[in-house]
Amino acid sequence: MAKSEDNMGGIAEAIRQAALLAMRSLLNREELSVSAMEVLHTLSVEGPTRITTLCEAIHVSQPAMTQLIQRLERRTLVARVADPEDGRATIVSLTENARDLLHRLRNDDNEKLAALLATLSASDQEALRLAMHVAGPIIQRLNANAALLAQATTGAHPLKETQ
């Protein structure tokens, strides 16, 4: 195996480990599915969004998204209104309850991660801080690129293109 392939394998493993850490520490809260959290996060970033656009962004069928939105609506986390430009379409937006929930979850996440980071030595904490200073923007670009690749393979349109 060539050296660059070894490096890519190491990077891929580090990303898998980071994803595993996030899943173990931060997901499956408040009895919300990963898809539900994706919808709430997307709405918090993008604002009111059509159901069809959410389907494309989250990669679920329209019937599945409609059921998910109904569940979130019953929990008063989203509200639906007819699209003023096309009455056949539905616009979904976050409620104040959802904003409060997301704020609380972010605070909970920060506390959990702070406790976890406190288990590291000071030198490891500093090394991680420096590494994330470099890796953070790259990870954001990888997320944007993943959305663009999904668009290319599914024909869906990403909500936002970033550079």
Protein backbone atom coordinates (compact mmCIF):
# COMPACT_ATOMS: atom_id res chain seq x y z
CA MET A 1 0.00 0.00 0.00
CA ALA A 2 1.36 3.43 -0.95
CA LYS A 3 2.11 6.02 1.72
CA SER A 4 -0.74 8.32 0.58
CA GLU A 5 -3.19 5.40 0.87
CA ASP A 6 -1.89 4.74 4.41
CA ASN A 7 -2.45 8.41 5.24
CA MET A 8 -5.98 8.35 3.79
CA GLY A 9 -6.73 5.21 5.78
CA GLY A 10 -5.55 6.95 8.96
CA ILE A 11 -7.64 10.02 8.21
CA ALA A 12 -10.70 7.88 7.47
CA GLU A 13 -10.22 6.00 10.74
CA ALA A 14 -9.87 9.26 12.70
CA ILE A 15 -13.11 10.54 11.14
CA ARG A 16 -14.88 7.25 12.00
CA GLN A 17 -13.63 7.52 15.58
CA ALA A 18 -14.88 11.13 15.82
CA ALA A 19 -18.27 10.07 14.44
CA LEU A 20 -18.43 7.20 16.93
CA LEU A 21 -17.63 9.59 19.78
CA ALA A 22 -20.41 11.93 18.63
CA MET A 23 -22.91 9.10 18.30
CA ARG A 24 -22.09 7.69 21.73
CA SER A 25 -22.05 11.04 23.49
CA LEU A 26 -24.48 13.29 21.68
CA LEU A 27 -27.15 11.38 19.78
CA ASN A 28 -30.42 9.69 20.70
CA ARG A 29 -31.51 12.33 23.16
CA GLU A 30 -35.00 13.40 24.04
CA GLU A 31 -36.21 10.27 22.24
CA LEU A 32 -35.57 11.95 18.89
CA SER A 33 -34.27 9.93 15.97
CA VAL A 34 -31.19 10.93 14.04
CA SER A 35 -33.47 11.98 11.16
CA ALA A 36 -35.56 14.14 13.50
CA MET A 37 -32.41 15.82 14.82
CA GLU A 38 -31.25 16.37 11.22
CA VAL A 39 -34.56 18.03 10.36
CA LEU A 40 -34.44 20.29 13.42
CA HIS A 41 -30.81 21.19 12.75
CA THR A 42 -31.53 21.90 9.06
CA LEU A 43 -34.48 24.12 9.95
CA SER A 44 -32.41 25.94 12.59
CA VAL A 45 -29.74 26.72 9.98
CA GLU A 46 -31.86 27.25 6.87
CA GLY A 47 -35.07 28.64 8.30
CA PRO A 48 -38.54 27.69 6.98
CA THR A 49 -38.13 25.01 4.33
CA ARG A 50 -40.34 23.00 1.98
CA ILE A 51 -40.95 19.37 2.86
CA THR A 52 -39.56 18.29 -0.52
CA THR A 53 -36.33 20.18 0.16
CA LEU A 54 -36.05 18.51 3.57
CA CYS A 55 -36.51 15.11 1.88
CA GLU A 56 -33.60 15.86 -0.42
CA ALA A 57 -31.41 17.18 2.38
CA ILE A 58 -32.07 14.30 4.79
CA HIS A 59 -32.32 11.60 2.07
CA VAL A 60 -35.72 10.20 3.00
CA SER A 61 -38.87 9.66 0.95
CA GLN A 62 -41.66 12.21 1.01
CA PRO A 63 -44.06 9.85 2.85
CA ALA A 64 -41.39 9.17 5.50
CA MET A 65 -40.66 12.90 5.85
CA THR A 66 -44.37 13.69 6.13
CA GLN A 67 -44.71 11.15 8.97
CA LEU A 68 -41.61 12.55 10.68
CA ILE A 69 -42.93 16.12 10.39
CA GLN A 70 -46.28 14.98 11.83
CA ARG A 71 -44.49 13.44 14.84
CA LEU A 72 -42.44 16.61 15.35
CA GLU A 73 -45.60 18.70 14.98
CA ARG A 74 -47.37 16.64 17.68
CA ARG A 75 -44.43 17.43 19.97
CA THR A 76 -44.85 21.12 19.03
CA LEU A 77 -41.32 21.24 17.60
CA VAL A 78 -42.32 22.28 14.07
CA ALA A 79 -45.18 24.11 12.42
CA ARG A 80 -46.49 23.62 8.89
CA VAL A 81 -48.06 26.20 6.62
CA ALA A 82 -49.01 26.21 2.96
CA ASP A 83 -46.34 27.62 0.68
CA PRO A 84 -47.59 31.08 -0.38
CA GLU A 85 -45.97 30.58 -3.82
CA ASP A 86 -47.47 27.11 -4.36
CA GLY A 87 -50.48 26.10 -2.27
CA ARG A 88 -49.82 22.42 -3.00
CA ALA A 89 -46.47 22.57 -1.17
CA THR A 90 -45.89 22.81 2.57
CA ILE A 91 -43.36 24.97 4.40
CA VAL A 92 -42.02 23.67 7.73
CA SER A 93 -40.51 25.91 10.40
CA LEU A 94 -39.18 25.52 13.91
CA THR A 95 -41.30 26.48 16.86
CA GLU A 96 -40.02 28.28 19.92
CA ASN A 97 -40.17 24.90 21.73
CA ALA A 98 -37.74 23.48 19.19
CA ARG A 99 -35.39 26.44 19.51
CA ASP A 100 -35.43 26.02 23.29
CA LEU A 101 -34.81 22.27 22.94
CA LEU A 102 -31.89 22.78 20.54
CA HIS A 103 -30.38 25.41 22.83
CA ARG A 104 -30.67 23.09 25.82
CA LEU A 105 -29.21 20.15 23.89
CA ARG A 106 -26.26 22.26 22.74
CA ASN A 107 -25.62 23.26 26.34
CA ASP A 108 -25.91 19.62 27.45
CA ASP A 109 -23.51 18.61 24.67
CA ASN A 110 -21.02 21.26 25.77
CA GLU A 111 -21.19 20.01 29.36
CA LYS A 112 -20.76 16.37 28.31
CA LEU A 113 -17.84 17.21 26.06
CA ALA A 114 -16.22 19.42 28.71
CA ALA A 115 -16.40 16.54 31.19
CA LEU A 116 -14.95 14.17 28.60
CA LEU A 117 -12.18 16.59 27.64
CA ALA A 118 -11.32 17.01 31.32
CA THR A 119 -10.24 13.34 31.31
CA LEU A 120 -7.36 14.30 28.99
CA SER A 121 -4.03 15.67 30.12
CA ALA A 122 -3.40 19.39 29.64
CA SER A 123 -0.98 18.63 26.80
CA ASP A 124 -3.56 16.40 25.06
CA GLN A 125 -6.21 19.12 25.45
CA GLU A 126 -3.87 21.68 23.90
CA ALA A 127 -2.95 19.30 21.06
CA LEU A 128 -6.63 18.67 20.37
CA ARG A 129 -7.37 22.42 20.45
CA LEU A 130 -4.65 23.08 17.90
CA ALA A 131 -5.70 20.14 15.73
CA MET A 132 -9.35 21.28 15.72
CA HIS A 133 -8.27 24.81 14.80
CA VAL A 134 -6.93 23.29 11.59
CA ALA A 135 -9.36 20.38 11.14
CA GLY A 136 -12.60 22.22 12.02
CA PRO A 137 -12.88 24.21 8.77
CA ILE A 138 -11.83 21.15 6.76
CA ILE A 139 -14.54 19.05 8.41
CA GLN A 140 -17.08 21.76 7.56
CA ARG A 141 -15.95 21.59 3.91
CA LEU A 142 -16.23 17.79 3.99
CA ASN A 143 -19.83 18.11 5.20
CA ALA A 144 -20.59 20.57 2.39
CA ASN A 145 -18.88 18.30 -0.14
CA ALA A 146 -20.88 15.32 1.13
CA ALA A 147 -24.07 17.27 0.42
CA LEU A 148 -22.83 18.07 -3.09
CA LEU A 149 -21.91 14.43 -3.73
CA ALA A 150 -25.35 13.36 -2.53
CA GLN A 151 -26.85 15.89 -4.94
CA ALA A 152 -24.78 14.51 -7.81
CA THR A 153 -25.86 10.92 -7.12
CA THR A 154 -29.51 11.59 -6.31
CA GLY A 155 -30.24 14.69 -8.37
CA ALA A 156 -31.29 16.50 -5.17
CA HIS A 157 -30.40 20.12 -4.64
CA PRO A 158 -28.32 21.01 -1.57
CA LEU A 159 -29.81 23.65 0.67
CA LYS A 160 -26.64 25.73 0.64
CA GLU A 161 -23.43 25.47 -1.27
CA THR A 162 -20.33 26.44 0.63
CA GLN A 163 -16.81 26.75 -0.56
